[in-house]
Amino acid sequence: MFDRLKGTWTWARRAVGRIVWCRRGTSAFEFALTYPAMMLMLLTLTETAFVYFRAVLLEGAVRETGRLVRTGQAQAADDPVGVFTAALCTEIGWLIPCDQLNYSVTAGADFRTLVLNDLFDPSGKPINTGFDAGASNQAVVVRVSHLWGFLNPHLALILGTGDSREMEISSTTVFKNEPFPPAAL
């Protein structure tokens, strides 16, 4: 009887030993355990880089488009808003659709009198609050914003606003118009 039990014990010990010490499939098992976390980190890094790239692109576009206002080229055109919008869309290119941009161009006698309008209504929807490029030697603020909808829900919790899965990417430039001739208006 003990011999039979001894043989069963030896068999069980060998079977467990084979399972514990066998290394076949270990790499696949470890990959299956780490793959979801690795992909989440990779997607988060990619989306963060994409948001940063959009912010830098928007910053450059606002700076270059603001130059049209500062030099009086936008004010001299028949349709200043159309010239500004077309230049902004050209600078941004295909990465941010033009219909998703909202802007505010406000002028004042000097920097103390500038009034910044809200770019969003109380419900959080973007609005264009006007285009006043001002005259020669006036202070002007150009603000452009875009709502980015996050793809990664974990990143939206970190960078998003409240329950929304969106983040405002905005750019602002403030300058004093150059002394362009009044005939350009």
C-alpha atoms as a PDB file:
ATOM      1  CA  MET A   1       0.000   0.000   0.000  1.00  0.00           C
ATOM      2  CA  PHE A   2       2.769   2.426   0.920  1.00  0.00           C
ATOM      3  CA  ASP A   3       4.627   1.534  -2.238  1.00  0.00           C
ATOM      4  CA  ARG A   4       1.606   2.423  -4.290  1.00  0.00           C
ATOM      5  CA  LEU A   5       1.226   5.727  -2.396  1.00  0.00           C
ATOM      6  CA  LYS A   6       4.927   6.396  -2.786  1.00  0.00           C
ATOM      7  CA  GLY A   7       4.623   5.964  -6.562  1.00  0.00           C
ATOM      8  CA  THR A   8       1.659   8.359  -6.732  1.00  0.00           C
ATOM      9  CA  TRP A   9       3.548  10.929  -4.687  1.00  0.00           C
ATOM     10  CA  THR A  10       6.568  10.634  -6.936  1.00  0.00           C
ATOM     11  CA  TRP A  11       4.394  11.037 -10.020  1.00  0.00           C
ATOM     12  CA  ALA A  12       2.631  14.129  -8.598  1.00  0.00           C
ATOM     13  CA  ARG A  13       5.938  15.659  -7.537  1.00  0.00           C
ATOM     14  CA  ARG A  14       7.368  15.141 -11.018  1.00  0.00           C
ATOM     15  CA  ALA A  15       4.253  16.641 -12.678  1.00  0.00           C
ATOM     16  CA  VAL A  16       4.346  19.728 -10.458  1.00  0.00           C
ATOM     17  CA  GLY A  17       8.090  20.013 -10.994  1.00  0.00           C
ATOM     18  CA  ARG A  18       7.621  19.914 -14.758  1.00  0.00           C
ATOM     19  CA  ILE A  19       5.040  22.677 -14.595  1.00  0.00           C
ATOM     20  CA  VAL A  20       7.044  24.852 -12.218  1.00  0.00           C
ATOM     21  CA  TRP A  21      10.398  24.433 -13.916  1.00  0.00           C
ATOM     22  CA  CYS A  22       9.199  24.375 -17.531  1.00  0.00           C
ATOM     23  CA  ARG A  23      10.102  27.588 -19.363  1.00  0.00           C
ATOM     24  CA  ARG A  24       8.234  27.042 -22.621  1.00  0.00           C
ATOM     25  CA  GLY A  25       5.537  29.660 -23.072  1.00  0.00           C
ATOM     26  CA  THR A  26       6.891  31.896 -20.326  1.00  0.00           C
ATOM     27  CA  SER A  27       7.658  34.719 -22.731  1.00  0.00           C
ATOM     28  CA  ALA A  28       4.189  34.580 -24.238  1.00  0.00           C
ATOM     29  CA  PHE A  29       2.600  34.627 -20.797  1.00  0.00           C
ATOM     30  CA  GLU A  30       4.720  37.576 -19.643  1.00  0.00           C
ATOM     31  CA  PHE A  31       3.957  39.432 -22.870  1.00  0.00           C
ATOM     32  CA  ALA A  32       0.228  38.847 -22.347  1.00  0.00           C
ATOM     33  CA  LEU A  33       0.521  40.313 -18.855  1.00  0.00           C
ATOM     34  CA  THR A  34       2.496  43.414 -19.834  1.00  0.00           C
ATOM     35  CA  TYR A  35       1.008  44.167 -23.270  1.00  0.00           C
ATOM     36  CA  PRO A  36      -2.089  46.146 -22.104  1.00  0.00           C
ATOM     37  CA  ALA A  37      -0.059  48.425 -19.833  1.00  0.00           C
ATOM     38  CA  MET A  38       2.605  48.901 -22.494  1.00  0.00           C
ATOM     39  CA  MET A  39       0.022  49.815 -25.156  1.00  0.00           C
ATOM     40  CA  LEU A  40      -1.755  52.225 -22.795  1.00  0.00           C
ATOM     41  CA  MET A  41       1.538  53.989 -22.103  1.00  0.00           C
ATOM     42  CA  LEU A  42       2.392  54.131 -25.803  1.00  0.00           C
ATOM     43  CA  LEU A  43      -1.023  55.523 -26.786  1.00  0.00           C
ATOM     44  CA  THR A  44      -0.923  58.068 -23.960  1.00  0.00           C
ATOM     45  CA  LEU A  45       2.518  59.220 -25.034  1.00  0.00           C
ATOM     46  CA  THR A  46       1.428  59.461 -28.671  1.00  0.00           C
ATOM     47  CA  GLU A  47      -1.702  61.459 -27.875  1.00  0.00           C
ATOM     48  CA  THR A  48       0.187  63.792 -25.532  1.00  0.00           C
ATOM     49  CA  ALA A  49       2.725  64.465 -28.294  1.00  0.00           C
ATOM     50  CA  PHE A  50      -0.096  65.083 -30.770  1.00  0.00           C
ATOM     51  CA  VAL A  51      -1.796  67.591 -28.424  1.00  0.00           C
ATOM     52  CA  TYR A  52       1.525  69.374 -27.893  1.00  0.00           C
ATOM     53  CA  PHE A  53       2.144  69.452 -31.655  1.00  0.00           C
ATOM     54  CA  ARG A  54      -1.291  71.000 -32.236  1.00  0.00           C
ATOM     55  CA  ALA A  55      -0.630  73.619 -29.548  1.00  0.00           C
ATOM     56  CA  VAL A  56       2.699  74.600 -31.122  1.00  0.00           C
ATOM     57  CA  LEU A  57       1.114  74.691 -34.583  1.00  0.00           C
ATOM     58  CA  LEU A  58      -1.706  76.923 -33.309  1.00  0.00           C
ATOM     59  CA  GLU A  59       0.805  79.220 -31.588  1.00  0.00           C
ATOM     60  CA  GLY A  60       2.765  79.707 -34.804  1.00  0.00           C
ATOM     61  CA  ALA A  61      -0.379  80.253 -36.867  1.00  0.00           C
ATOM     62  CA  VAL A  62      -1.681  82.928 -34.492  1.00  0.00           C
ATOM     63  CA  ARG A  63       1.681  84.696 -34.504  1.00  0.00           C
ATOM     64  CA  GLU A  64       1.878  84.713 -38.310  1.00  0.00           C
ATOM     65  CA  THR A  65      -1.772  85.682 -38.792  1.00  0.00           C
ATOM     66  CA  GLY A  66      -1.467  88.417 -36.176  1.00  0.00           C
ATOM     67  CA  ARG A  67       1.242  89.931 -38.336  1.00  0.00           C
ATOM     68  CA  LEU A  68      -1.421  90.684 -40.995  1.00  0.00           C
ATOM     69  CA  VAL A  69      -3.350  92.684 -38.417  1.00  0.00           C
ATOM     70  CA  ARG A  70      -0.271  94.393 -36.950  1.00  0.00           C
ATOM     71  CA  THR A  71       0.940  95.647 -40.356  1.00  0.00           C
ATOM     72  CA  GLY A  72      -2.522  96.798 -41.493  1.00  0.00           C
ATOM     73  CA  GLN A  73      -2.807  94.283 -44.350  1.00  0.00           C
ATOM     74  CA  ALA A  74      -6.004  92.759 -42.937  1.00  0.00           C
ATOM     75  CA  GLN A  75      -7.582  96.177 -42.352  1.00  0.00           C
ATOM     76  CA  ALA A  76      -6.734  97.273 -45.928  1.00  0.00           C
ATOM     77  CA  ALA A  77      -8.582  94.316 -47.463  1.00  0.00           C
ATOM     78  CA  ASP A  78     -12.199  94.490 -48.590  1.00  0.00           C
ATOM     79  CA  ASP A  79     -13.066  91.617 -46.237  1.00  0.00           C
ATOM     80  CA  PRO A  80     -10.733  91.774 -43.218  1.00  0.00           C
ATOM     81  CA  VAL A  81     -12.417  88.828 -41.473  1.00  0.00           C
ATOM     82  CA  GLY A  82     -12.144  86.683 -44.607  1.00  0.00           C
ATOM     83  CA  VAL A  83      -8.460  87.568 -45.061  1.00  0.00           C
ATOM     84  CA  PHE A  84      -7.741  86.780 -41.406  1.00  0.00           C
ATOM     85  CA  THR A  85      -9.653  83.487 -41.474  1.00  0.00           C
ATOM     86  CA  ALA A  86      -8.116  82.382 -44.780  1.00  0.00           C
ATOM     87  CA  ALA A  87      -4.600  83.164 -43.550  1.00  0.00           C
ATOM     88  CA  LEU A  88      -5.248  81.329 -40.274  1.00  0.00           C
ATOM     89  CA  CYS A  89      -6.563  78.247 -42.079  1.00  0.00           C
ATOM     90  CA  THR A  90      -3.620  78.299 -44.491  1.00  0.00           C
ATOM     91  CA  GLU A  91      -1.125  78.472 -41.623  1.00  0.00           C
ATOM     92  CA  ILE A  92      -2.744  75.607 -39.747  1.00  0.00           C
ATOM     93  CA  GLY A  93      -3.177  73.400 -42.770  1.00  0.00           C
ATOM     94  CA  TRP A  94      -5.037  70.114 -42.579  1.00  0.00           C
ATOM     95  CA  LEU A  95      -4.236  69.243 -38.962  1.00  0.00           C
ATOM     96  CA  ILE A  96      -6.961  71.340 -37.326  1.00  0.00           C
ATOM     97  CA  PRO A  97     -10.162  71.832 -39.345  1.00  0.00           C
ATOM     98  CA  CYS A  98     -11.012  75.522 -39.744  1.00  0.00           C
ATOM     99  CA  ASP A  99     -14.610  75.029 -38.672  1.00  0.00           C
ATOM    100  CA  GLN A 100     -13.341  73.861 -35.255  1.00  0.00           C
ATOM    101  CA  LEU A 101     -11.434  77.093 -34.577  1.00  0.00           C
ATOM    102  CA  ASN A 102     -12.903  80.050 -32.775  1.00  0.00           C
ATOM    103  CA  TYR A 103     -11.227  83.413 -32.518  1.00  0.00           C
ATOM    104  CA  SER A 104     -11.484  86.857 -31.029  1.00  0.00           C
ATOM    105  CA  VAL A 105      -9.634  89.916 -32.303  1.00  0.00           C
ATOM    106  CA  THR A 106     -10.074  92.924 -30.026  1.00  0.00           C
ATOM    107  CA  ALA A 107      -8.531  96.393 -30.245  1.00  0.00           C
ATOM    108  CA  GLY A 108      -8.195  99.213 -27.748  1.00  0.00           C
ATOM    109  CA  ALA A 109      -6.545 102.606 -27.455  1.00  0.00           C
ATOM    110  CA  ASP A 110      -3.807 101.104 -25.275  1.00  0.00           C
ATOM    111  CA  PHE A 111      -3.089  97.875 -23.411  1.00  0.00           C
ATOM    112  CA  ARG A 112      -5.049  98.931 -20.304  1.00  0.00           C
ATOM    113  CA  THR A 113      -8.263  99.366 -22.272  1.00  0.00           C
ATOM    114  CA  LEU A 114      -8.218  95.964 -23.939  1.00  0.00           C
ATOM    115  CA  VAL A 115     -11.217  93.800 -23.072  1.00  0.00           C
ATOM    116  CA  LEU A 116     -10.908  90.036 -23.423  1.00  0.00           C
ATOM    117  CA  ASN A 117     -14.129  88.426 -24.560  1.00  0.00           C
ATOM    118  CA  ASP A 118     -15.016  84.873 -23.628  1.00  0.00           C
ATOM    119  CA  LEU A 119     -14.358  82.335 -26.354  1.00  0.00           C
ATOM    120  CA  PHE A 120     -17.031  79.972 -24.969  1.00  0.00           C
ATOM    121  CA  ASP A 121     -20.659  80.496 -24.020  1.00  0.00           C
ATOM    122  CA  PRO A 122     -21.858  79.460 -20.532  1.00  0.00           C
ATOM    123  CA  SER A 123     -22.676  75.944 -21.749  1.00  0.00           C
ATOM    124  CA  GLY A 124     -19.085  75.476 -22.975  1.00  0.00           C
ATOM    125  CA  LYS A 125     -19.742  75.745 -26.699  1.00  0.00           C
ATOM    126  CA  PRO A 126     -17.148  77.747 -28.664  1.00  0.00           C
ATOM    127  CA  ILE A 127     -18.187  81.114 -30.101  1.00  0.00           C
ATOM    128  CA  ASN A 128     -16.472  83.693 -32.288  1.00  0.00           C
ATOM    129  CA  THR A 129     -16.717  86.911 -30.333  1.00  0.00           C
ATOM    130  CA  GLY A 130     -15.859  89.379 -33.029  1.00  0.00           C
ATOM    131  CA  PHE A 131     -13.196  90.906 -35.178  1.00  0.00           C
ATOM    132  CA  ASP A 132     -11.964  94.422 -34.430  1.00  0.00           C
ATOM    133  CA  ALA A 133      -8.457  94.766 -35.838  1.00  0.00           C
ATOM    134  CA  GLY A 134      -8.165  98.385 -34.754  1.00  0.00           C
ATOM    135  CA  ALA A 135      -6.390 101.291 -36.366  1.00  0.00           C
ATOM    136  CA  SER A 136      -2.798 102.436 -36.550  1.00  0.00           C
ATOM    137  CA  ASN A 137      -0.927 102.451 -33.203  1.00  0.00           C
ATOM    138  CA  GLN A 138      -3.730 100.695 -31.311  1.00  0.00           C
ATOM    139  CA  ALA A 139      -3.233  97.751 -28.968  1.00  0.00           C
ATOM    140  CA  VAL A 140      -4.693  94.473 -30.265  1.00  0.00           C
ATOM    141  CA  VAL A 141      -5.171  91.035 -28.755  1.00  0.00           C
ATOM    142  CA  VAL A 142      -5.688  88.026 -31.034  1.00  0.00           C
ATOM    143  CA  ARG A 143      -6.989  84.860 -29.382  1.00  0.00           C
ATOM    144  CA  VAL A 144      -7.635  81.570 -31.160  1.00  0.00           C
ATOM    145  CA  SER A 145      -8.772  78.365 -29.516  1.00  0.00           C
ATOM    146  CA  HIS A 146      -9.678  74.815 -30.435  1.00  0.00           C
ATOM    147  CA  LEU A 147     -11.348  72.056 -28.428  1.00  0.00           C
ATOM    148  CA  TRP A 148      -9.440  68.772 -28.532  1.00  0.00           C
ATOM    149  CA  GLY A 149     -11.473  65.643 -27.832  1.00  0.00           C
ATOM    150  CA  PHE A 150      -9.319  63.031 -26.120  1.00  0.00           C
ATOM    151  CA  LEU A 151      -9.130  59.513 -27.512  1.00  0.00           C
ATOM    152  CA  ASN A 152      -7.581  58.047 -24.365  1.00  0.00           C
ATOM    153  CA  PRO A 153     -10.057  58.189 -21.444  1.00  0.00           C
ATOM    154  CA  HIS A 154      -7.266  58.042 -18.850  1.00  0.00           C
ATOM    155  CA  LEU A 155      -5.550  61.080 -20.324  1.00  0.00           C
ATOM    156  CA  ALA A 156      -8.912  62.880 -20.412  1.00  0.00           C
ATOM    157  CA  LEU A 157      -9.228  62.332 -16.654  1.00  0.00           C
ATOM    158  CA  ILE A 158      -5.816  63.891 -16.090  1.00  0.00           C
ATOM    159  CA  LEU A 159      -5.917  66.798 -18.560  1.00  0.00           C
ATOM    160  CA  GLY A 160      -9.632  67.198 -19.315  1.00  0.00           C
ATOM    161  CA  THR A 161     -12.013  69.605 -17.670  1.00  0.00           C
ATOM    162  CA  GLY A 162     -14.469  67.923 -15.330  1.00  0.00           C
ATOM    163  CA  ASP A 163     -16.662  65.292 -16.917  1.00  0.00           C
ATOM    164  CA  SER A 164     -15.842  66.552 -20.392  1.00  0.00           C
ATOM    165  CA  ARG A 165     -13.408  64.594 -22.510  1.00  0.00           C
ATOM    166  CA  GLU A 166     -12.255  67.830 -24.135  1.00  0.00           C
ATOM    167  CA  MET A 167      -9.422  70.246 -23.510  1.00  0.00           C
ATOM    168  CA  GLU A 168      -9.050  73.786 -24.796  1.00  0.00           C
ATOM    169  CA  ILE A 169      -5.923  74.392 -26.836  1.00  0.00           C
ATOM    170  CA  SER A 170      -5.531  78.131 -27.210  1.00  0.00           C
ATOM    171  CA  SER A 171      -3.065  80.752 -28.277  1.00  0.00           C
ATOM    172  CA  THR A 172      -2.989  84.473 -27.586  1.00  0.00           C
ATOM    173  CA  THR A 173      -0.820  87.208 -28.995  1.00  0.00           C
ATOM    174  CA  VAL A 174      -0.876  90.850 -27.914  1.00  0.00           C
ATOM    175  CA  PHE A 175       0.767  93.639 -29.865  1.00  0.00           C
ATOM    176  CA  LYS A 176       0.548  97.275 -30.866  1.00  0.00           C
ATOM    177  CA  ASN A 177      -0.338  97.945 -34.485  1.00  0.00           C
ATOM    178  CA  GLU A 178       2.379  99.505 -36.563  1.00  0.00           C
ATOM    179  CA  PRO A 179       1.911 103.067 -37.782  1.00  0.00           C
ATOM    180  CA  PHE A 180       0.418 102.172 -41.146  1.00  0.00           C
ATOM    181  CA  PRO A 181      -1.126 104.957 -43.252  1.00  0.00           C
ATOM    182  CA  PRO A 182      -4.800 105.773 -42.661  1.00  0.00           C
ATOM    183  CA  ALA A 183      -5.446 105.313 -46.388  1.00  0.00           C
ATOM    184  CA  ALA A 184      -4.902 101.579 -45.812  1.00  0.00           C
ATOM    185  CA  LEU A 185      -8.096 101.512 -43.787  1.00  0.00           C
END
